[in-house]
Amino acid sequence: MFGSIDRRVMELARRHGVKVMPLVVNEGFHQPSLRRLLADSAAQRRAVRTLVELCRDNGFWGIQFDIENINLQDRDRFTTWYSEAARALHGAGCTISIAVVHRPEESPGPSGYHRFLYESWRAGYDLKALGAVGDFISIMSYSQHTRRTPPGPQAGLPWMRAVVDYFLRFVPPEKLSLGIPLWGEHWFTRDDPALPERARSWSETVSWSWGTGLAERHSAPLQWDSIQGVTWGYYDSGGTFEWLFLEDVRSFQAKLALVKARKLRGFSAWVLGPEDERIWEVLR
């Protein structure tokens, strides 16, 4: 294990009474490496000891697991590792939580893409077991649409409700934190010399200010979709449309309303920096 926390961040957090819970991440979400770890009980024990020492020695509130790209066949082994980490961290007076990839239904879904998500990203989490041994779960209820999909919202409200309601079948609301995206996406055609066709559809992350700047530059009107809870627009670029789906203060408020309606623990924002700054007035 490697990584560190900026000393200045810790000092600032202590001055303001902010609890610090670092993420432990499997590097690059590389599935073969994770599978090797989950097959090696000695390596898992070393990892757990290291996490306990880091939490205790640095005065962290706790540790959050952000382990992704778990194959369905490794589900039980991962649950065992997380359970052992929970026992050890709780024994040291630390909190443990886990970020879990979105899942809106029991079945894999209608397409090969959904089967891929099911087998390597969604079904590797035993939600009931993880919720029972840990202190809370942060639902990664975002990335509904990505560079791998057609243009669409990061977290449309109907889809997000389905994700939350599925999780609530296994985990009580006081142990669930809703993941709220604070960034937008810009879809466009990208040149890719490695492909025979030399180009592909692609998307990039944009901040609220950059996304609205793109819309203004191209005289593209932005529209509010009250059903999906997202601001969106498109414009012509050499005869090809480019699309924007942006998170703003209205989408943030709509997602906070879902937190309250389902009586959830709270929310987990990803990530600070690209947000519409008006959300801070809402939170204040």
C-alpha atoms as a PDB file:
ATOM      1  CA  MET A   1       0.000   0.000   0.000  1.00  0.00           C
ATOM      2  CA  PHE A   2       1.188   3.507  -0.724  1.00  0.00           C
ATOM      3  CA  GLY A   3      -0.085   7.077  -0.608  1.00  0.00           C
ATOM      4  CA  SER A   4      -0.225   9.916   1.877  1.00  0.00           C
ATOM      5  CA  ILE A   5      -2.363  12.787   3.143  1.00  0.00           C
ATOM      6  CA  ASP A   6      -1.163  16.363   2.709  1.00  0.00           C
ATOM      7  CA  ARG A   7      -0.116  17.634   6.137  1.00  0.00           C
ATOM      8  CA  ARG A   8      -1.733  21.009   5.407  1.00  0.00           C
ATOM      9  CA  VAL A   9      -5.077  19.322   4.772  1.00  0.00           C
ATOM     10  CA  MET A  10      -4.933  17.559   8.123  1.00  0.00           C
ATOM     11  CA  GLU A  11      -4.033  20.771   9.940  1.00  0.00           C
ATOM     12  CA  LEU A  12      -6.876  22.661   8.253  1.00  0.00           C
ATOM     13  CA  ALA A  13      -9.342  19.874   9.074  1.00  0.00           C
ATOM     14  CA  ARG A  14      -8.315  19.832  12.738  1.00  0.00           C
ATOM     15  CA  ARG A  15      -8.677  23.608  13.059  1.00  0.00           C
ATOM     16  CA  HIS A  16     -12.235  23.433  11.736  1.00  0.00           C
ATOM     17  CA  GLY A  17     -13.297  20.213  13.412  1.00  0.00           C
ATOM     18  CA  VAL A  18     -13.667  18.301  10.125  1.00  0.00           C
ATOM     19  CA  LYS A  19     -13.422  14.508  10.304  1.00  0.00           C
ATOM     20  CA  VAL A  20     -11.033  12.944   7.806  1.00  0.00           C
ATOM     21  CA  MET A  21     -11.804   9.579   6.164  1.00  0.00           C
ATOM     22  CA  PRO A  22      -9.260   8.741   3.435  1.00  0.00           C
ATOM     23  CA  LEU A  23     -10.107   6.403   0.577  1.00  0.00           C
ATOM     24  CA  VAL A  24      -8.307   3.120   0.027  1.00  0.00           C
ATOM     25  CA  VAL A  25      -8.418   2.371  -3.710  1.00  0.00           C
ATOM     26  CA  ASN A  26      -7.271  -0.584  -5.793  1.00  0.00           C
ATOM     27  CA  GLU A  27      -4.871   1.135  -8.182  1.00  0.00           C
ATOM     28  CA  GLY A  28      -6.390   1.720 -11.612  1.00  0.00           C
ATOM     29  CA  PHE A  29      -9.334  -0.504 -10.591  1.00  0.00           C
ATOM     30  CA  HIS A  30      -7.201  -3.281 -12.105  1.00  0.00           C
ATOM     31  CA  GLN A  31      -9.220  -6.474 -11.752  1.00  0.00           C
ATOM     32  CA  PRO A  32      -6.400  -9.055 -12.132  1.00  0.00           C
ATOM     33  CA  SER A  33      -4.394  -7.395  -9.342  1.00  0.00           C
ATOM     34  CA  LEU A  34      -7.448  -7.294  -7.094  1.00  0.00           C
ATOM     35  CA  ARG A  35      -8.157 -10.963  -7.776  1.00  0.00           C
ATOM     36  CA  ARG A  36      -4.614 -11.842  -6.714  1.00  0.00           C
ATOM     37  CA  LEU A  37      -5.051  -9.879  -3.476  1.00  0.00           C
ATOM     38  CA  LEU A  38      -8.383 -11.548  -2.710  1.00  0.00           C
ATOM     39  CA  ALA A  39      -6.765 -14.966  -3.195  1.00  0.00           C
ATOM     40  CA  ASP A  40      -3.937 -14.136  -0.757  1.00  0.00           C
ATOM     41  CA  SER A  41      -5.101 -14.115   2.870  1.00  0.00           C
ATOM     42  CA  ALA A  42      -1.659 -13.076   4.153  1.00  0.00           C
ATOM     43  CA  ALA A  43      -1.638 -10.002   1.892  1.00  0.00           C
ATOM     44  CA  GLN A  44      -5.126  -9.092   3.065  1.00  0.00           C
ATOM     45  CA  ARG A  45      -4.053  -9.289   6.704  1.00  0.00           C
ATOM     46  CA  ARG A  46      -1.069  -7.028   5.981  1.00  0.00           C
ATOM     47  CA  ALA A  47      -3.347  -4.538   4.277  1.00  0.00           C
ATOM     48  CA  VAL A  48      -5.746  -4.520   7.233  1.00  0.00           C
ATOM     49  CA  ARG A  49      -2.891  -4.002   9.719  1.00  0.00           C
ATOM     50  CA  THR A  50      -1.596  -1.095   7.639  1.00  0.00           C
ATOM     51  CA  LEU A  51      -5.031   0.535   7.513  1.00  0.00           C
ATOM     52  CA  VAL A  52      -5.441   0.252  11.275  1.00  0.00           C
ATOM     53  CA  GLU A  53      -1.998   1.783  11.862  1.00  0.00           C
ATOM     54  CA  LEU A  54      -2.687   4.637   9.436  1.00  0.00           C
ATOM     55  CA  CYS A  55      -6.033   5.399  11.022  1.00  0.00           C
ATOM     56  CA  ARG A  56      -4.742   5.269  14.595  1.00  0.00           C
ATOM     57  CA  ASP A  57      -1.403   7.034  14.053  1.00  0.00           C
ATOM     58  CA  ASN A  58      -2.819   9.891  11.958  1.00  0.00           C
ATOM     59  CA  GLY A  59      -5.982  10.481  13.927  1.00  0.00           C
ATOM     60  CA  PHE A  60      -8.272   9.693  11.002  1.00  0.00           C
ATOM     61  CA  TRP A  61     -11.975   9.377  11.753  1.00  0.00           C
ATOM     62  CA  GLY A  62     -11.899   6.190   9.702  1.00  0.00           C
ATOM     63  CA  ILE A  63     -11.251   4.611   6.316  1.00  0.00           C
ATOM     64  CA  GLN A  64     -13.494   4.304   3.263  1.00  0.00           C
ATOM     65  CA  PHE A  65     -13.002   1.403   0.866  1.00  0.00           C
ATOM     66  CA  ASP A  66     -13.304   2.449  -2.784  1.00  0.00           C
ATOM     67  CA  ILE A  67     -12.584  -0.952  -4.304  1.00  0.00           C
ATOM     68  CA  GLU A  68     -14.024  -1.244  -7.812  1.00  0.00           C
ATOM     69  CA  ASN A  69     -14.100  -3.607 -10.792  1.00  0.00           C
ATOM     70  CA  ILE A  70     -14.793  -6.606  -8.536  1.00  0.00           C
ATOM     71  CA  ASN A  71     -15.649  -9.706 -10.519  1.00  0.00           C
ATOM     72  CA  LEU A  72     -18.839 -11.478  -9.487  1.00  0.00           C
ATOM     73  CA  GLN A  73     -16.817 -14.624  -8.713  1.00  0.00           C
ATOM     74  CA  ASP A  74     -14.817 -12.690  -6.081  1.00  0.00           C
ATOM     75  CA  ARG A  75     -17.879 -11.417  -4.200  1.00  0.00           C
ATOM     76  CA  ASP A  76     -17.533 -13.656  -1.127  1.00  0.00           C
ATOM     77  CA  ARG A  77     -13.763 -13.191  -0.853  1.00  0.00           C
ATOM     78  CA  PHE A  78     -14.180  -9.430  -0.977  1.00  0.00           C
ATOM     79  CA  THR A  79     -16.911  -9.537   1.675  1.00  0.00           C
ATOM     80  CA  THR A  80     -14.601 -11.526   3.938  1.00  0.00           C
ATOM     81  CA  TRP A  81     -11.758  -9.015   3.514  1.00  0.00           C
ATOM     82  CA  TYR A  82     -14.020  -6.031   4.198  1.00  0.00           C
ATOM     83  CA  SER A  83     -15.530  -7.774   7.244  1.00  0.00           C
ATOM     84  CA  GLU A  84     -12.072  -8.445   8.691  1.00  0.00           C
ATOM     85  CA  ALA A  85     -11.088  -4.823   8.069  1.00  0.00           C
ATOM     86  CA  ALA A  86     -14.272  -3.648   9.796  1.00  0.00           C
ATOM     87  CA  ARG A  87     -13.566  -5.744  12.893  1.00  0.00           C
ATOM     88  CA  ALA A  88      -9.972  -4.508  13.101  1.00  0.00           C
ATOM     89  CA  LEU A  89     -10.792  -0.832  12.527  1.00  0.00           C
ATOM     90  CA  HIS A  90     -13.686  -0.884  14.968  1.00  0.00           C
ATOM     91  CA  GLY A  91     -11.349  -2.495  17.491  1.00  0.00           C
ATOM     92  CA  ALA A  92      -9.022   0.479  17.073  1.00  0.00           C
ATOM     93  CA  GLY A  93     -11.880   2.957  17.564  1.00  0.00           C
ATOM     94  CA  CYS A  94     -12.079   3.861  13.865  1.00  0.00           C
ATOM     95  CA  THR A  95     -15.035   4.074  11.493  1.00  0.00           C
ATOM     96  CA  ILE A  96     -15.272   2.132   8.227  1.00  0.00           C
ATOM     97  CA  SER A  97     -17.398   2.784   5.180  1.00  0.00           C
ATOM     98  CA  ILE A  98     -17.478   1.687   1.571  1.00  0.00           C
ATOM     99  CA  ALA A  99     -18.283   3.325  -1.762  1.00  0.00           C
ATOM    100  CA  VAL A 100     -20.388   0.951  -3.869  1.00  0.00           C
ATOM    101  CA  VAL A 101     -21.100   1.155  -7.609  1.00  0.00           C
ATOM    102  CA  HIS A 102     -24.692   1.954  -8.615  1.00  0.00           C
ATOM    103  CA  ARG A 103     -27.202  -0.804  -9.298  1.00  0.00           C
ATOM    104  CA  PRO A 104     -30.867  -0.129 -10.139  1.00  0.00           C
ATOM    105  CA  GLU A 105     -32.252  -3.682 -10.337  1.00  0.00           C
ATOM    106  CA  GLU A 106     -31.656  -7.334  -9.519  1.00  0.00           C
ATOM    107  CA  SER A 107     -31.205  -8.538 -13.107  1.00  0.00           C
ATOM    108  CA  PRO A 108     -28.146  -7.645 -15.185  1.00  0.00           C
ATOM    109  CA  GLY A 109     -30.168  -5.489 -17.616  1.00  0.00           C
ATOM    110  CA  PRO A 110     -31.208  -5.465 -21.261  1.00  0.00           C
ATOM    111  CA  SER A 111     -27.900  -5.365 -23.158  1.00  0.00           C
ATOM    112  CA  GLY A 112     -24.354  -6.707 -23.315  1.00  0.00           C
ATOM    113  CA  TYR A 113     -23.150  -3.425 -21.834  1.00  0.00           C
ATOM    114  CA  HIS A 114     -25.371  -3.972 -18.800  1.00  0.00           C
ATOM    115  CA  ARG A 115     -24.117  -7.542 -18.469  1.00  0.00           C
ATOM    116  CA  PHE A 116     -20.548  -6.207 -18.432  1.00  0.00           C
ATOM    117  CA  LEU A 117     -21.493  -3.781 -15.641  1.00  0.00           C
ATOM    118  CA  TYR A 118     -23.247  -6.541 -13.718  1.00  0.00           C
ATOM    119  CA  GLU A 119     -20.419  -9.088 -13.843  1.00  0.00           C
ATOM    120  CA  SER A 120     -17.478  -6.778 -13.122  1.00  0.00           C
ATOM    121  CA  TRP A 121     -18.850  -3.654 -11.433  1.00  0.00           C
ATOM    122  CA  ARG A 122     -22.214  -4.202  -9.748  1.00  0.00           C
ATOM    123  CA  ALA A 123     -22.789  -7.763  -8.578  1.00  0.00           C
ATOM    124  CA  GLY A 124     -19.460  -8.147  -6.776  1.00  0.00           C
ATOM    125  CA  TYR A 125     -20.897  -6.342  -3.732  1.00  0.00           C
ATOM    126  CA  ASP A 126     -22.936  -8.237  -1.138  1.00  0.00           C
ATOM    127  CA  LEU A 127     -24.952  -5.203  -0.070  1.00  0.00           C
ATOM    128  CA  LYS A 128     -26.629  -6.803   2.948  1.00  0.00           C
ATOM    129  CA  ALA A 129     -23.353  -8.124   4.371  1.00  0.00           C
ATOM    130  CA  LEU A 130     -21.397  -4.931   3.681  1.00  0.00           C
ATOM    131  CA  GLY A 131     -24.113  -2.809   5.247  1.00  0.00           C
ATOM    132  CA  ALA A 132     -24.236  -5.022   8.334  1.00  0.00           C
ATOM    133  CA  VAL A 133     -20.513  -4.960   9.195  1.00  0.00           C
ATOM    134  CA  GLY A 134     -19.652  -1.380   8.162  1.00  0.00           C
ATOM    135  CA  ASP A 135     -20.830   1.986   9.443  1.00  0.00           C
ATOM    136  CA  PHE A 136     -22.287   3.288   6.200  1.00  0.00           C
ATOM    137  CA  ILE A 137     -22.326   2.881   2.411  1.00  0.00           C
ATOM    138  CA  SER A 138     -21.769   5.720  -0.049  1.00  0.00           C
ATOM    139  CA  ILE A 139     -23.760   4.866  -3.162  1.00  0.00           C
ATOM    140  CA  MET A 140     -21.908   5.883  -6.314  1.00  0.00           C
ATOM    141  CA  SER A 141     -25.241   6.958  -7.761  1.00  0.00           C
ATOM    142  CA  TYR A 142     -23.647   8.783 -10.680  1.00  0.00           C
ATOM    143  CA  SER A 143     -21.984   7.943 -14.004  1.00  0.00           C
ATOM    144  CA  GLN A 144     -25.327   6.801 -15.390  1.00  0.00           C
ATOM    145  CA  HIS A 145     -23.946   8.006 -18.723  1.00  0.00           C
ATOM    146  CA  THR A 146     -20.227   8.032 -19.492  1.00  0.00           C
ATOM    147  CA  ARG A 147     -17.838   8.147 -22.442  1.00  0.00           C
ATOM    148  CA  ARG A 148     -18.921   4.537 -23.121  1.00  0.00           C
ATOM    149  CA  THR A 149     -22.591   5.481 -23.613  1.00  0.00           C
ATOM    150  CA  PRO A 150     -24.694   7.868 -25.672  1.00  0.00           C
ATOM    151  CA  PRO A 151     -25.044  11.389 -24.210  1.00  0.00           C
ATOM    152  CA  GLY A 152     -27.169  11.701 -21.096  1.00  0.00           C
ATOM    153  CA  PRO A 153     -27.256  12.921 -17.491  1.00  0.00           C
ATOM    154  CA  GLN A 154     -24.728  11.911 -14.856  1.00  0.00           C
ATOM    155  CA  ALA A 155     -27.580  10.952 -12.567  1.00  0.00           C
ATOM    156  CA  GLY A 156     -31.106  11.376 -13.921  1.00  0.00           C
ATOM    157  CA  LEU A 157     -33.647  11.493 -11.085  1.00  0.00           C
ATOM    158  CA  PRO A 158     -35.769   8.475 -12.160  1.00  0.00           C
ATOM    159  CA  TRP A 159     -32.646   6.314 -12.460  1.00  0.00           C
ATOM    160  CA  MET A 160     -31.246   7.626  -9.193  1.00  0.00           C
ATOM    161  CA  ARG A 161     -34.499   6.813  -7.374  1.00  0.00           C
ATOM    162  CA  ALA A 162     -34.356   3.275  -8.759  1.00  0.00           C
ATOM    163  CA  VAL A 163     -30.759   2.887  -7.514  1.00  0.00           C
ATOM    164  CA  VAL A 164     -31.632   4.135  -4.018  1.00  0.00           C
ATOM    165  CA  ASP A 165     -34.729   1.963  -3.768  1.00  0.00           C
ATOM    166  CA  TYR A 166     -32.737  -1.112  -4.796  1.00  0.00           C
ATOM    167  CA  PHE A 167     -30.121  -0.448  -2.103  1.00  0.00           C
ATOM    168  CA  LEU A 168     -32.841   0.097   0.482  1.00  0.00           C
ATOM    169  CA  ARG A 169     -33.911  -3.518  -0.013  1.00  0.00           C
ATOM    170  CA  PHE A 170     -30.674  -4.566   1.702  1.00  0.00           C
ATOM    171  CA  VAL A 171     -29.384  -1.613   3.750  1.00  0.00           C
ATOM    172  CA  PRO A 172     -31.320   0.600   6.202  1.00  0.00           C
ATOM    173  CA  PRO A 173     -31.611   4.279   5.202  1.00  0.00           C
ATOM    174  CA  GLU A 174     -29.550   5.502   8.158  1.00  0.00           C
ATOM    175  CA  LYS A 175     -26.583   3.592   6.688  1.00  0.00           C
ATOM    176  CA  LEU A 176     -26.916   4.962   3.154  1.00  0.00           C
ATOM    177  CA  SER A 177     -25.273   8.109   1.785  1.00  0.00           C
ATOM    178  CA  LEU A 178     -26.416   9.304  -1.644  1.00  0.00           C
ATOM    179  CA  GLY A 179     -23.642   9.988  -4.138  1.00  0.00           C
ATOM    180  CA  ILE A 180     -24.181  13.384  -5.774  1.00  0.00           C
ATOM    181  CA  PRO A 181     -22.101  14.325  -8.839  1.00  0.00           C
ATOM    182  CA  LEU A 182     -20.805  17.894  -8.994  1.00  0.00           C
ATOM    183  CA  TRP A 183     -19.321  17.748 -12.495  1.00  0.00           C
ATOM    184  CA  GLY A 184     -20.779  17.772 -15.989  1.00  0.00           C
ATOM    185  CA  GLU A 185     -19.968  15.955 -19.222  1.00  0.00           C
ATOM    186  CA  HIS A 186     -19.271  17.206 -22.742  1.00  0.00           C
ATOM    187  CA  TRP A 187     -19.800  14.683 -25.570  1.00  0.00           C
ATOM    188  CA  PHE A 188     -17.980  15.162 -28.855  1.00  0.00           C
ATOM    189  CA  THR A 189     -16.218  13.306 -31.681  1.00  0.00           C
ATOM    190  CA  ARG A 190     -12.607  12.515 -30.836  1.00  0.00           C
ATOM    191  CA  ASP A 191      -9.856  11.730 -33.322  1.00  0.00           C
ATOM    192  CA  ASP A 192      -8.267   8.360 -32.530  1.00  0.00           C
ATOM    193  CA  PRO A 193      -5.549   7.205 -34.976  1.00  0.00           C
ATOM    194  CA  ALA A 194      -5.415   3.796 -33.223  1.00  0.00           C
ATOM    195  CA  LEU A 195      -8.841   2.905 -34.601  1.00  0.00           C
ATOM    196  CA  PRO A 196      -9.452   1.813 -38.211  1.00  0.00           C
ATOM    197  CA  GLU A 197     -12.193   4.440 -38.508  1.00  0.00           C
ATOM    198  CA  ARG A 198      -9.847   7.076 -36.976  1.00  0.00           C
ATOM    199  CA  ALA A 199     -12.517   8.585 -34.699  1.00  0.00           C
ATOM    200  CA  ARG A 200     -14.974   7.764 -31.942  1.00  0.00           C
ATOM    201  CA  SER A 201     -17.691   9.305 -29.840  1.00  0.00           C
ATOM    202  CA  TRP A 202     -16.226  10.472 -26.526  1.00  0.00           C
ATOM    203  CA  SER A 203     -16.965  12.535 -23.457  1.00  0.00           C
ATOM    204  CA  GLU A 204     -14.880  14.639 -21.082  1.00  0.00           C
ATOM    205  CA  THR A 205     -15.492  15.964 -17.608  1.00  0.00           C
ATOM    206  CA  VAL A 206     -16.299  19.676 -17.411  1.00  0.00           C
ATOM    207  CA  SER A 207     -16.880  22.042 -14.538  1.00  0.00           C
ATOM    208  CA  TRP A 208     -20.023  24.148 -14.332  1.00  0.00           C
ATOM    209  CA  SER A 209     -18.118  27.263 -15.402  1.00  0.00           C
ATOM    210  CA  TRP A 210     -16.369  25.518 -18.304  1.00  0.00           C
ATOM    211  CA  GLY A 211     -19.545  23.810 -19.497  1.00  0.00           C
ATOM    212  CA  THR A 212     -21.581  27.001 -19.458  1.00  0.00           C
ATOM    213  CA  GLY A 213     -18.656  28.717 -21.176  1.00  0.00           C
ATOM    214  CA  LEU A 214     -18.787  26.171 -24.013  1.00  0.00           C
ATOM    215  CA  ALA A 215     -22.510  26.784 -24.380  1.00  0.00           C
ATOM    216  CA  GLU A 216     -22.012  30.551 -24.452  1.00  0.00           C
ATOM    217  CA  ARG A 217     -19.154  30.323 -26.966  1.00  0.00           C
ATOM    218  CA  HIS A 218     -21.370  28.355 -29.368  1.00  0.00           C
ATOM    219  CA  SER A 219     -24.555  30.343 -28.643  1.00  0.00           C
ATOM    220  CA  ALA A 220     -26.213  27.144 -27.404  1.00  0.00           C
ATOM    221  CA  PRO A 221     -29.266  27.639 -25.195  1.00  0.00           C
ATOM    222  CA  LEU A 222     -29.183  25.554 -22.013  1.00  0.00           C
ATOM    223  CA  GLN A 223     -32.433  23.906 -20.973  1.00  0.00           C
ATOM    224  CA  TRP A 224     -33.695  22.504 -17.694  1.00  0.00           C
ATOM    225  CA  ASP A 225     -35.160  18.988 -17.785  1.00  0.00           C
ATOM    226  CA  SER A 226     -37.468  18.810 -14.776  1.00  0.00           C
ATOM    227  CA  ILE A 227     -38.028  15.050 -15.136  1.00  0.00           C
ATOM    228  CA  GLN A 228     -34.335  14.086 -15.223  1.00  0.00           C
ATOM    229  CA  GLY A 229     -33.285  16.991 -13.002  1.00  0.00           C
ATOM    230  CA  VAL A 230     -30.440  18.172 -15.237  1.00  0.00           C
ATOM    231  CA  THR A 231     -29.391  21.172 -17.303  1.00  0.00           C
ATOM    232  CA  TRP A 232     -28.484  20.232 -20.877  1.00  0.00           C
ATOM    233  CA  GLY A 233     -27.853  21.639 -24.343  1.00  0.00           C
ATOM    234  CA  TYR A 234     -26.245  20.929 -27.691  1.00  0.00           C
ATOM    235  CA  TYR A 235     -24.639  22.809 -30.523  1.00  0.00           C
ATOM    236  CA  ASP A 236     -23.448  22.267 -34.070  1.00  0.00           C
ATOM    237  CA  SER A 237     -19.702  21.764 -34.576  1.00  0.00           C
ATOM    238  CA  GLY A 238     -18.916  21.384 -38.263  1.00  0.00           C
ATOM    239  CA  GLY A 239     -22.196  19.610 -38.888  1.00  0.00           C
ATOM    240  CA  THR A 240     -21.830  17.261 -35.902  1.00  0.00           C
ATOM    241  CA  PHE A 241     -23.687  17.876 -32.672  1.00  0.00           C
ATOM    242  CA  GLU A 242     -21.818  18.189 -29.394  1.00  0.00           C
ATOM    243  CA  TRP A 243     -23.796  17.667 -26.173  1.00  0.00           C
ATOM    244  CA  LEU A 244     -23.592  19.100 -22.661  1.00  0.00           C
ATOM    245  CA  PHE A 245     -25.205  17.637 -19.546  1.00  0.00           C
ATOM    246  CA  LEU A 246     -24.382  19.842 -16.575  1.00  0.00           C
ATOM    247  CA  GLU A 247     -24.966  19.604 -12.838  1.00  0.00           C
ATOM    248  CA  ASP A 248     -25.977  22.911 -11.257  1.00  0.00           C
ATOM    249  CA  VAL A 249     -27.666  24.277  -8.156  1.00  0.00           C
ATOM    250  CA  ARG A 250     -31.102  23.088  -9.316  1.00  0.00           C
ATOM    251  CA  SER A 251     -29.947  19.525  -9.932  1.00  0.00           C
ATOM    252  CA  PHE A 252     -28.184  19.583  -6.562  1.00  0.00           C
ATOM    253  CA  GLN A 253     -31.357  20.684  -4.791  1.00  0.00           C
ATOM    254  CA  ALA A 254     -33.367  17.964  -6.545  1.00  0.00           C
ATOM    255  CA  LYS A 255     -30.935  15.310  -5.312  1.00  0.00           C
ATOM    256  CA  LEU A 256     -30.960  16.716  -1.772  1.00  0.00           C
ATOM    257  CA  ALA A 257     -34.737  16.380  -1.868  1.00  0.00           C
ATOM    258  CA  LEU A 258     -34.292  12.670  -2.644  1.00  0.00           C
ATOM    259  CA  VAL A 259     -32.006  12.310   0.394  1.00  0.00           C
ATOM    260  CA  LYS A 260     -34.720  13.818   2.581  1.00  0.00           C
ATOM    261  CA  ALA A 261     -37.584  11.901   0.977  1.00  0.00           C
ATOM    262  CA  ARG A 262     -35.874   8.533   1.559  1.00  0.00           C
ATOM    263  CA  LYS A 263     -34.591   9.613   5.016  1.00  0.00           C
ATOM    264  CA  LEU A 264     -31.006   8.726   4.106  1.00  0.00           C
ATOM    265  CA  ARG A 265     -27.933   9.306   6.264  1.00  0.00           C
ATOM    266  CA  GLY A 266     -26.756  12.156   4.028  1.00  0.00           C
ATOM    267  CA  PHE A 267     -24.878  12.608   0.807  1.00  0.00           C
ATOM    268  CA  SER A 268     -21.384  11.967  -0.551  1.00  0.00           C
ATOM    269  CA  ALA A 269     -20.332  14.568  -3.141  1.00  0.00           C
ATOM    270  CA  TRP A 270     -17.926  13.677  -5.944  1.00  0.00           C
ATOM    271  CA  VAL A 271     -15.894  15.695  -6.490  1.00  0.00           C
ATOM    272  CA  LEU A 272     -15.118  19.144  -5.030  1.00  0.00           C
ATOM    273  CA  GLY A 273     -13.839  21.725  -7.506  1.00  0.00           C
ATOM    274  CA  PRO A 274     -16.045  21.637 -10.620  1.00  0.00           C
ATOM    275  CA  GLU A 275     -19.299  22.455  -8.796  1.00  0.00           C
ATOM    276  CA  ASP A 276     -21.737  25.273  -9.421  1.00  0.00           C
ATOM    277  CA  GLU A 277     -20.675  27.518  -6.529  1.00  0.00           C
ATOM    278  CA  ARG A 278     -24.296  28.390  -5.765  1.00  0.00           C
ATOM    279  CA  ILE A 279     -24.657  25.012  -4.023  1.00  0.00           C
ATOM    280  CA  TRP A 280     -22.730  26.419  -1.072  1.00  0.00           C
ATOM    281  CA  GLU A 281     -25.460  28.971  -0.485  1.00  0.00           C
ATOM    282  CA  VAL A 282     -27.994  26.135  -0.463  1.00  0.00           C
ATOM    283  CA  LEU A 283     -25.937  24.179   2.081  1.00  0.00           C
ATOM    284  CA  ARG A 284     -25.306  27.260   4.195  1.00  0.00           C
END
